[in-house]
Amino acid sequence: MTHEVNTPSEEQCKTAHIERNTSRSLLCAIRENSELYEKLVKDMGETGTKFQQWWDVKAKQHGWESHPNGNWEINFQSCEITLVVNE
């Protein structure tokens, strides 16, 4: 199943995706600095929540179906949203 999102919506998801991946990379680099590490863990939690909220809002708005073994993925070049089911 594939859907498309408009450009502003795609940009919101792309920004959250980039922030989440950047935080993951930074986390690996600073594990030895406990104060910075704790701040990053907190930021990652907030960014992960924001990213999931985007998906939840769009799924509700557009009536996207879900699957117990599936997750939605976005192609940032085409703005297509696809349900990927892992059986």
PDB file of N, CA and C in Angstrom:
ATOM      1  N   MET A   1       0.841  -1.164   0.000  1.00  0.00           N
ATOM      2  CA  MET A   1       0.000   0.000   0.000  1.00  0.00           C
ATOM      3  C   MET A   1       0.893   1.235   0.000  1.00  0.00           C
ATOM      4  N   THR A   2       0.617   2.172  -0.883  1.00  0.00           N
ATOM      5  CA  THR A   2       1.425   3.381  -0.996  1.00  0.00           C
ATOM      6  C   THR A   2       0.516   4.603  -1.008  1.00  0.00           C
ATOM      7  N   HIS A   3       0.954   5.652  -0.320  1.00  0.00           N
ATOM      8  CA  HIS A   3       0.261   6.935  -0.281  1.00  0.00           C
ATOM      9  C   HIS A   3       1.291   8.013  -0.576  1.00  0.00           C
ATOM     10  N   GLU A   4       0.823   9.228  -0.814  1.00  0.00           N
ATOM     11  CA  GLU A   4       1.733  10.349  -0.992  1.00  0.00           C
ATOM     12  C   GLU A   4       1.391  11.447   0.011  1.00  0.00           C
ATOM     13  N   VAL A   5       2.403  12.187   0.417  1.00  0.00           N
ATOM     14  CA  VAL A   5       2.199  13.348   1.284  1.00  0.00           C
ATOM     15  C   VAL A   5       2.620  14.586   0.528  1.00  0.00           C
ATOM     16  N   ASN A   6       2.078  15.729   0.950  1.00  0.00           N
ATOM     17  CA  ASN A   6       2.448  16.974   0.286  1.00  0.00           C
ATOM     18  C   ASN A   6       3.803  17.456   0.789  1.00  0.00           C
ATOM     19  N   THR A   7       4.360  18.428   0.127  1.00  0.00           N
ATOM     20  CA  THR A   7       5.716  18.897   0.438  1.00  0.00           C
ATOM     21  C   THR A   7       5.885  19.410   1.861  1.00  0.00           C
ATOM     22  N   PRO A   8       4.978  20.255   2.397  1.00  0.00           N
ATOM     23  CA  PRO A   8       5.196  20.691   3.788  1.00  0.00           C
ATOM     24  C   PRO A   8       5.188  19.525   4.765  1.00  0.00           C
ATOM     25  N   SER A   9       4.316  18.576   4.546  1.00  0.00           N
ATOM     26  CA  SER A   9       4.225  17.408   5.415  1.00  0.00           C
ATOM     27  C   SER A   9       5.481  16.555   5.281  1.00  0.00           C
ATOM     28  N   GLU A  10       5.947  16.381   4.080  1.00  0.00           N
ATOM     29  CA  GLU A  10       7.169  15.603   3.822  1.00  0.00           C
ATOM     30  C   GLU A  10       8.361  16.271   4.488  1.00  0.00           C
ATOM     31  N   GLU A  11       8.409  17.608   4.453  1.00  0.00           N
ATOM     32  CA  GLU A  11       9.516  18.336   5.075  1.00  0.00           C
ATOM     33  C   GLU A  11       9.518  18.154   6.589  1.00  0.00           C
ATOM     34  N   GLN A  12       8.340  18.123   7.204  1.00  0.00           N
ATOM     35  CA  GLN A  12       8.249  17.895   8.646  1.00  0.00           C
ATOM     36  C   GLN A  12       8.820  16.526   9.001  1.00  0.00           C
ATOM     37  N   CYS A  13       8.442  15.522   8.238  1.00  0.00           N
ATOM     38  CA  CYS A  13       8.917  14.165   8.495  1.00  0.00           C
ATOM     39  C   CYS A  13      10.411  14.067   8.234  1.00  0.00           C
ATOM     40  N   LYS A  14      10.860  14.671   7.164  1.00  0.00           N
ATOM     41  CA  LYS A  14      12.279  14.632   6.816  1.00  0.00           C
ATOM     42  C   LYS A  14      13.123  15.273   7.916  1.00  0.00           C
ATOM     43  N   THR A  15      12.674  16.413   8.438  1.00  0.00           N
ATOM     44  CA  THR A  15      13.401  17.105   9.503  1.00  0.00           C
ATOM     45  C   THR A  15      13.489  16.224  10.746  1.00  0.00           C
ATOM     46  N   ALA A  16      12.377  15.625  11.142  1.00  0.00           N
ATOM     47  CA  ALA A  16      12.373  14.755  12.320  1.00  0.00           C
ATOM     48  C   ALA A  16      13.265  13.539  12.097  1.00  0.00           C
ATOM     49  N   HIS A  17      13.240  12.998  10.898  1.00  0.00           N
ATOM     50  CA  HIS A  17      14.071  11.832  10.544  1.00  0.00           C
ATOM     51  C   HIS A  17      15.563  12.187  10.639  1.00  0.00           C
ATOM     52  N   ILE A  18      15.929  13.319  10.091  1.00  0.00           N
ATOM     53  CA  ILE A  18      17.328  13.764  10.120  1.00  0.00           C
ATOM     54  C   ILE A  18      17.769  14.035  11.554  1.00  0.00           C
ATOM     55  N   GLU A  19      16.919  14.699  12.335  1.00  0.00           N
ATOM     56  CA  GLU A  19      17.260  14.977  13.733  1.00  0.00           C
ATOM     57  C   GLU A  19      17.473  13.679  14.512  1.00  0.00           C
ATOM     58  N   ARG A  20      16.609  12.706  14.284  1.00  0.00           N
ATOM     59  CA  ARG A  20      16.725  11.421  14.989  1.00  0.00           C
ATOM     60  C   ARG A  20      18.019  10.712  14.609  1.00  0.00           C
ATOM     61  N   ASN A  21      18.326  10.653  13.339  1.00  0.00           N
ATOM     62  CA  ASN A  21      19.550   9.966  12.895  1.00  0.00           C
ATOM     63  C   ASN A  21      20.810  10.701  13.335  1.00  0.00           C
ATOM     64  N   THR A  22      20.771  12.022  13.324  1.00  0.00           N
ATOM     65  CA  THR A  22      21.914  12.808  13.789  1.00  0.00           C
ATOM     66  C   THR A  22      22.151  12.565  15.273  1.00  0.00           C
ATOM     67  N   SER A  23      21.079  12.531  16.036  1.00  0.00           N
ATOM     68  CA  SER A  23      21.196  12.267  17.473  1.00  0.00           C
ATOM     69  C   SER A  23      21.796  10.893  17.725  1.00  0.00           C
ATOM     70  N   ARG A  24      21.395   9.907  16.965  1.00  0.00           N
ATOM     71  CA  ARG A  24      21.954   8.557  17.124  1.00  0.00           C
ATOM     72  C   ARG A  24      23.458   8.552  16.866  1.00  0.00           C
ATOM     73  N   SER A  25      23.880   9.237  15.828  1.00  0.00           N
ATOM     74  CA  SER A  25      25.308   9.302  15.495  1.00  0.00           C
ATOM     75  C   SER A  25      26.087  10.027  16.586  1.00  0.00           C
ATOM     76  N   LEU A  26      25.533  11.127  17.051  1.00  0.00           N
ATOM     77  CA  LEU A  26      26.184  11.903  18.094  1.00  0.00           C
ATOM     78  C   LEU A  26      26.279  11.106  19.390  1.00  0.00           C
ATOM     79  N   LEU A  27      25.264  10.352  19.684  1.00  0.00           N
ATOM     80  CA  LEU A  27      25.253   9.525  20.890  1.00  0.00           C
ATOM     81  C   LEU A  27      26.443   8.571  20.910  1.00  0.00           C
ATOM     82  N   CYS A  28      26.713   7.945  19.801  1.00  0.00           N
ATOM     83  CA  CYS A  28      27.856   7.025  19.718  1.00  0.00           C
ATOM     84  C   CYS A  28      29.177   7.750  19.950  1.00  0.00           C
ATOM     85  N   ALA A  29      29.261   8.996  19.521  1.00  0.00           N
ATOM     86  CA  ALA A  29      30.512   9.745  19.617  1.00  0.00           C
ATOM     87  C   ALA A  29      30.784  10.293  21.016  1.00  0.00           C
ATOM     88  N   ILE A  30      29.757  10.459  21.847  1.00  0.00           N
ATOM     89  CA  ILE A  30      29.976  11.135  23.130  1.00  0.00           C
ATOM     90  C   ILE A  30      29.685  10.274  24.358  1.00  0.00           C
ATOM     91  N   ARG A  31      29.626   8.994  24.219  1.00  0.00           N
ATOM     92  CA  ARG A  31      29.280   8.113  25.343  1.00  0.00           C
ATOM     93  C   ARG A  31      30.131   8.361  26.589  1.00  0.00           C
ATOM     94  N   GLU A  32      31.350   8.810  26.426  1.00  0.00           N
ATOM     95  CA  GLU A  32      32.248   8.980  27.569  1.00  0.00           C
ATOM     96  C   GLU A  32      32.005  10.276  28.345  1.00  0.00           C
ATOM     97  N   ASN A  33      31.306  11.236  27.780  1.00  0.00           N
ATOM     98  CA  ASN A  33      30.987  12.484  28.456  1.00  0.00           C
ATOM     99  C   ASN A  33      29.580  12.347  29.034  1.00  0.00           C
ATOM    100  N   SER A  34      29.489  11.982  30.323  1.00  0.00           N
ATOM    101  CA  SER A  34      28.196  11.614  30.899  1.00  0.00           C
ATOM    102  C   SER A  34      27.174  12.747  30.888  1.00  0.00           C
ATOM    103  N   GLU A  35      27.582  13.986  31.151  1.00  0.00           N
ATOM    104  CA  GLU A  35      26.630  15.100  31.168  1.00  0.00           C
ATOM    105  C   GLU A  35      26.048  15.328  29.778  1.00  0.00           C
ATOM    106  N   LEU A  36      26.905  15.370  28.792  1.00  0.00           N
ATOM    107  CA  LEU A  36      26.460  15.559  27.415  1.00  0.00           C
ATOM    108  C   LEU A  36      25.651  14.352  26.946  1.00  0.00           C
ATOM    109  N   TYR A  37      26.072  13.180  27.359  1.00  0.00           N
ATOM    110  CA  TYR A  37      25.374  11.939  27.006  1.00  0.00           C
ATOM    111  C   TYR A  37      23.935  11.981  27.533  1.00  0.00           C
ATOM    112  N   GLU A  38      23.750  12.363  28.778  1.00  0.00           N
ATOM    113  CA  GLU A  38      22.412  12.425  29.376  1.00  0.00           C
ATOM    114  C   GLU A  38      21.527  13.442  28.658  1.00  0.00           C
ATOM    115  N   LYS A  39      22.102  14.586  28.294  1.00  0.00           N
ATOM    116  CA  LYS A  39      21.335  15.594  27.559  1.00  0.00           C
ATOM    117  C   LYS A  39      20.899  15.048  26.204  1.00  0.00           C
ATOM    118  N   LEU A  40      21.806  14.360  25.542  1.00  0.00           N
ATOM    119  CA  LEU A  40      21.483  13.811  24.232  1.00  0.00           C
ATOM    120  C   LEU A  40      20.414  12.722  24.331  1.00  0.00           C
ATOM    121  N   VAL A  41      20.492  11.884  25.337  1.00  0.00           N
ATOM    122  CA  VAL A  41      19.475  10.847  25.518  1.00  0.00           C
ATOM    123  C   VAL A  41      18.099  11.492  25.682  1.00  0.00           C
ATOM    124  N   LYS A  42      18.036  12.561  26.471  1.00  0.00           N
ATOM    125  CA  LYS A  42      16.776  13.292  26.658  1.00  0.00           C
ATOM    126  C   LYS A  42      16.292  13.870  25.327  1.00  0.00           C
ATOM    127  N   ASP A  43      17.207  14.518  24.592  1.00  0.00           N
ATOM    128  CA  ASP A  43      16.850  15.096  23.295  1.00  0.00           C
ATOM    129  C   ASP A  43      16.379  14.021  22.316  1.00  0.00           C
ATOM    130  N   MET A  44      17.023  12.862  22.345  1.00  0.00           N
ATOM    131  CA  MET A  44      16.628  11.770  21.453  1.00  0.00           C
ATOM    132  C   MET A  44      15.213  11.299  21.775  1.00  0.00           C
ATOM    133  N   GLY A  45      14.887  11.230  23.053  1.00  0.00           N
ATOM    134  CA  GLY A  45      13.539  10.834  23.447  1.00  0.00           C
ATOM    135  C   GLY A  45      12.505  11.815  22.931  1.00  0.00           C
ATOM    136  N   GLU A  46      12.795  13.100  23.067  1.00  0.00           N
ATOM    137  CA  GLU A  46      11.878  14.136  22.594  1.00  0.00           C
ATOM    138  C   GLU A  46      11.743  14.105  21.074  1.00  0.00           C
ATOM    139  N   THR A  47      12.851  13.919  20.383  1.00  0.00           N
ATOM    140  CA  THR A  47      12.826  13.866  18.918  1.00  0.00           C
ATOM    141  C   THR A  47      12.089  12.620  18.440  1.00  0.00           C
ATOM    142  N   GLY A  48      12.319  11.496  19.101  1.00  0.00           N
ATOM    143  CA  GLY A  48      11.615  10.261  18.743  1.00  0.00           C
ATOM    144  C   GLY A  48      10.114  10.404  18.923  1.00  0.00           C
ATOM    145  N   THR A  49       9.720  11.071  20.002  1.00  0.00           N
ATOM    146  CA  THR A  49       8.298  11.311  20.252  1.00  0.00           C
ATOM    147  C   THR A  49       7.709  12.206  19.169  1.00  0.00           C
ATOM    148  N   LYS A  50       8.430  13.261  18.799  1.00  0.00           N
ATOM    149  CA  LYS A  50       7.968  14.175  17.742  1.00  0.00           C
ATOM    150  C   LYS A  50       7.828  13.431  16.406  1.00  0.00           C
ATOM    151  N   PHE A  51       8.781  12.576  16.111  1.00  0.00           N
ATOM    152  CA  PHE A  51       8.759  11.799  14.872  1.00  0.00           C
ATOM    153  C   PHE A  51       7.543  10.863  14.860  1.00  0.00           C
ATOM    154  N   GLN A  52       7.300  10.162  15.966  1.00  0.00           N
ATOM    155  CA  GLN A  52       6.161   9.245  16.041  1.00  0.00           C
ATOM    156  C   GLN A  52       4.842  10.002  15.974  1.00  0.00           C
ATOM    157  N   GLN A  53       4.794  11.179  16.599  1.00  0.00           N
ATOM    158  CA  GLN A  53       3.570  11.990  16.552  1.00  0.00           C
ATOM    159  C   GLN A  53       3.235  12.391  15.122  1.00  0.00           C
ATOM    160  N   TRP A  54       4.252  12.707  14.325  1.00  0.00           N
ATOM    161  CA  TRP A  54       4.010  13.063  12.925  1.00  0.00           C
ATOM    162  C   TRP A  54       3.317  11.901  12.227  1.00  0.00           C
ATOM    163  N   TRP A  55       3.864  10.697  12.404  1.00  0.00           N
ATOM    164  CA  TRP A  55       3.268   9.515  11.772  1.00  0.00           C
ATOM    165  C   TRP A  55       1.847   9.279  12.273  1.00  0.00           C
ATOM    166  N   ASP A  56       1.620   9.395  13.562  1.00  0.00           N
ATOM    167  CA  ASP A  56       0.297   9.164  14.148  1.00  0.00           C
ATOM    168  C   ASP A  56      -0.740  10.147  13.606  1.00  0.00           C
ATOM    169  N   VAL A  57      -0.366  11.428  13.534  1.00  0.00           N
ATOM    170  CA  VAL A  57      -1.277  12.458  13.028  1.00  0.00           C
ATOM    171  C   VAL A  57      -1.612  12.200  11.560  1.00  0.00           C
ATOM    172  N   LYS A  58      -0.603  11.926  10.751  1.00  0.00           N
ATOM    173  CA  LYS A  58      -0.840  11.710   9.319  1.00  0.00           C
ATOM    174  C   LYS A  58      -1.654  10.443   9.073  1.00  0.00           C
ATOM    175  N   ALA A  59      -1.393   9.383   9.841  1.00  0.00           N
ATOM    176  CA  ALA A  59      -2.152   8.143   9.678  1.00  0.00           C
ATOM    177  C   ALA A  59      -3.626   8.381   9.992  1.00  0.00           C
ATOM    178  N   LYS A  60      -3.887   9.148  11.034  1.00  0.00           N
ATOM    179  CA  LYS A  60      -5.271   9.448  11.403  1.00  0.00           C
ATOM    180  C   LYS A  60      -5.929  10.344  10.357  1.00  0.00           C
ATOM    181  N   GLN A  61      -5.217  11.383   9.908  1.00  0.00           N
ATOM    182  CA  GLN A  61      -5.757  12.320   8.909  1.00  0.00           C
ATOM    183  C   GLN A  61      -6.131  11.612   7.613  1.00  0.00           C
ATOM    184  N   HIS A  62      -5.273  10.693   7.189  1.00  0.00           N
ATOM    185  CA  HIS A  62      -5.438  10.068   5.875  1.00  0.00           C
ATOM    186  C   HIS A  62      -6.057   8.676   5.937  1.00  0.00           C
ATOM    187  N   GLY A  63      -6.338   8.196   7.147  1.00  0.00           N
ATOM    188  CA  GLY A  63      -6.952   6.880   7.288  1.00  0.00           C
ATOM    189  C   GLY A  63      -6.050   5.734   6.853  1.00  0.00           C
ATOM    190  N   TRP A  64      -4.741   5.888   7.085  1.00  0.00           N
ATOM    191  CA  TRP A  64      -3.807   4.835   6.698  1.00  0.00           C
ATOM    192  C   TRP A  64      -4.029   3.604   7.566  1.00  0.00           C
ATOM    193  N   GLU A  65      -4.074   2.455   6.932  1.00  0.00           N
ATOM    194  CA  GLU A  65      -4.214   1.197   7.652  1.00  0.00           C
ATOM    195  C   GLU A  65      -2.890   0.842   8.314  1.00  0.00           C
ATOM    196  N   SER A  66      -2.975  -0.020   9.297  1.00  0.00           N
ATOM    197  CA  SER A  66      -1.740  -0.485   9.940  1.00  0.00           C
ATOM    198  C   SER A  66      -1.705  -2.003   9.899  1.00  0.00           C
ATOM    199  N   HIS A  67      -0.602  -2.563  10.341  1.00  0.00           N
ATOM    200  CA  HIS A  67      -0.421  -4.008  10.388  1.00  0.00           C
ATOM    201  C   HIS A  67       0.439  -4.308  11.609  1.00  0.00           C
ATOM    202  N   PRO A  68       0.114  -5.362  12.368  1.00  0.00           N
ATOM    203  CA  PRO A  68       0.887  -5.657  13.583  1.00  0.00           C
ATOM    204  C   PRO A  68       2.382  -5.845  13.339  1.00  0.00           C
ATOM    205  N   ASN A  69       2.742  -6.339  12.172  1.00  0.00           N
ATOM    206  CA  ASN A  69       4.155  -6.557  11.838  1.00  0.00           C
ATOM    207  C   ASN A  69       4.654  -5.550  10.813  1.00  0.00           C
ATOM    208  N   GLY A  70       4.001  -4.399  10.742  1.00  0.00           N
ATOM    209  CA  GLY A  70       4.368  -3.433   9.716  1.00  0.00           C
ATOM    210  C   GLY A  70       4.782  -2.090  10.271  1.00  0.00           C
ATOM    211  N   ASN A  71       5.405  -1.326   9.415  1.00  0.00           N
ATOM    212  CA  ASN A  71       5.746   0.055   9.725  1.00  0.00           C
ATOM    213  C   ASN A  71       5.701   0.860   8.431  1.00  0.00           C
ATOM    214  N   TRP A  72       5.390   2.133   8.592  1.00  0.00           N
ATOM    215  CA  TRP A  72       5.318   3.028   7.443  1.00  0.00           C
ATOM    216  C   TRP A  72       6.705   3.609   7.170  1.00  0.00           C
ATOM    217  N   GLU A  73       7.036   3.725   5.886  1.00  0.00           N
ATOM    218  CA  GLU A  73       8.299   4.337   5.473  1.00  0.00           C
ATOM    219  C   GLU A  73       7.996   5.411   4.449  1.00  0.00           C
ATOM    220  N   ILE A  74       8.826   6.440   4.430  1.00  0.00           N
ATOM    221  CA  ILE A  74       8.645   7.532   3.470  1.00  0.00           C
ATOM    222  C   ILE A  74       9.848   7.601   2.544  1.00  0.00           C
ATOM    223  N   ASN A  75       9.580   7.773   1.252  1.00  0.00           N
ATOM    224  CA  ASN A  75      10.617   8.020   0.261  1.00  0.00           C
ATOM    225  C   ASN A  75      10.673   9.533   0.104  1.00  0.00           C
ATOM    226  N   PHE A  76      11.745  10.156   0.578  1.00  0.00           N
ATOM    227  CA  PHE A  76      11.819  11.613   0.587  1.00  0.00           C
ATOM    228  C   PHE A  76      11.935  12.216  -0.814  1.00  0.00           C
ATOM    229  N   GLN A  77      12.337  11.439  -1.798  1.00  0.00           N
ATOM    230  CA  GLN A  77      12.430  11.974  -3.160  1.00  0.00           C
ATOM    231  C   GLN A  77      11.067  12.023  -3.837  1.00  0.00           C
ATOM    232  N   SER A  78      10.256  10.974  -3.638  1.00  0.00           N
ATOM    233  CA  SER A  78       8.964  10.918  -4.314  1.00  0.00           C
ATOM    234  C   SER A  78       7.797  11.333  -3.416  1.00  0.00           C
ATOM    235  N   CYS A  79       8.048  11.468  -2.106  1.00  0.00           N
ATOM    236  CA  CYS A  79       7.026  11.766  -1.100  1.00  0.00           C
ATOM    237  C   CYS A  79       6.027  10.622  -0.948  1.00  0.00           C
ATOM    238  N   GLU A  80       6.396   9.420  -1.376  1.00  0.00           N
ATOM    239  CA  GLU A  80       5.518   8.266  -1.233  1.00  0.00           C
ATOM    240  C   GLU A  80       5.682   7.642   0.149  1.00  0.00           C
ATOM    241  N   ILE A  81       4.554   7.277   0.733  1.00  0.00           N
ATOM    242  CA  ILE A  81       4.506   6.594   2.015  1.00  0.00           C
ATOM    243  C   ILE A  81       4.102   5.149   1.724  1.00  0.00           C
ATOM    244  N   THR A  82       4.860   4.193   2.235  1.00  0.00           N
ATOM    245  CA  THR A  82       4.591   2.789   1.967  1.00  0.00           C
ATOM    246  C   THR A  82       4.534   2.004   3.266  1.00  0.00           C
ATOM    247  N   LEU A  83       3.528   1.121   3.378  1.00  0.00           N
ATOM    248  CA  LEU A  83       3.438   0.222   4.520  1.00  0.00           C
ATOM    249  C   LEU A  83       4.298  -1.001   4.219  1.00  0.00           C
ATOM    250  N   VAL A  84       5.308  -1.213   5.048  1.00  0.00           N
ATOM    251  CA  VAL A  84       6.218  -2.348   4.890  1.00  0.00           C
ATOM    252  C   VAL A  84       5.859  -3.366   5.957  1.00  0.00           C
ATOM    253  N   VAL A  85       5.490  -4.583   5.525  1.00  0.00           N
ATOM    254  CA  VAL A  85       5.098  -5.628   6.455  1.00  0.00           C
ATOM    255  C   VAL A  85       6.207  -6.676   6.527  1.00  0.00           C
ATOM    256  N   ASN A  86       6.657  -6.946   7.741  1.00  0.00           N
ATOM    257  CA  ASN A  86       7.694  -7.941   7.980  1.00  0.00           C
ATOM    258  C   ASN A  86       7.038  -9.200   8.515  1.00  0.00           C
ATOM    259  N   GLU A  87       6.877 -10.182   7.666  1.00  0.00           N
ATOM    260  CA  GLU A  87       6.193 -11.428   8.071  1.00  0.00           C
ATOM    261  C   GLU A  87       7.174 -12.464   8.548  1.00  0.00           C
TER     262      GLU A  87
END
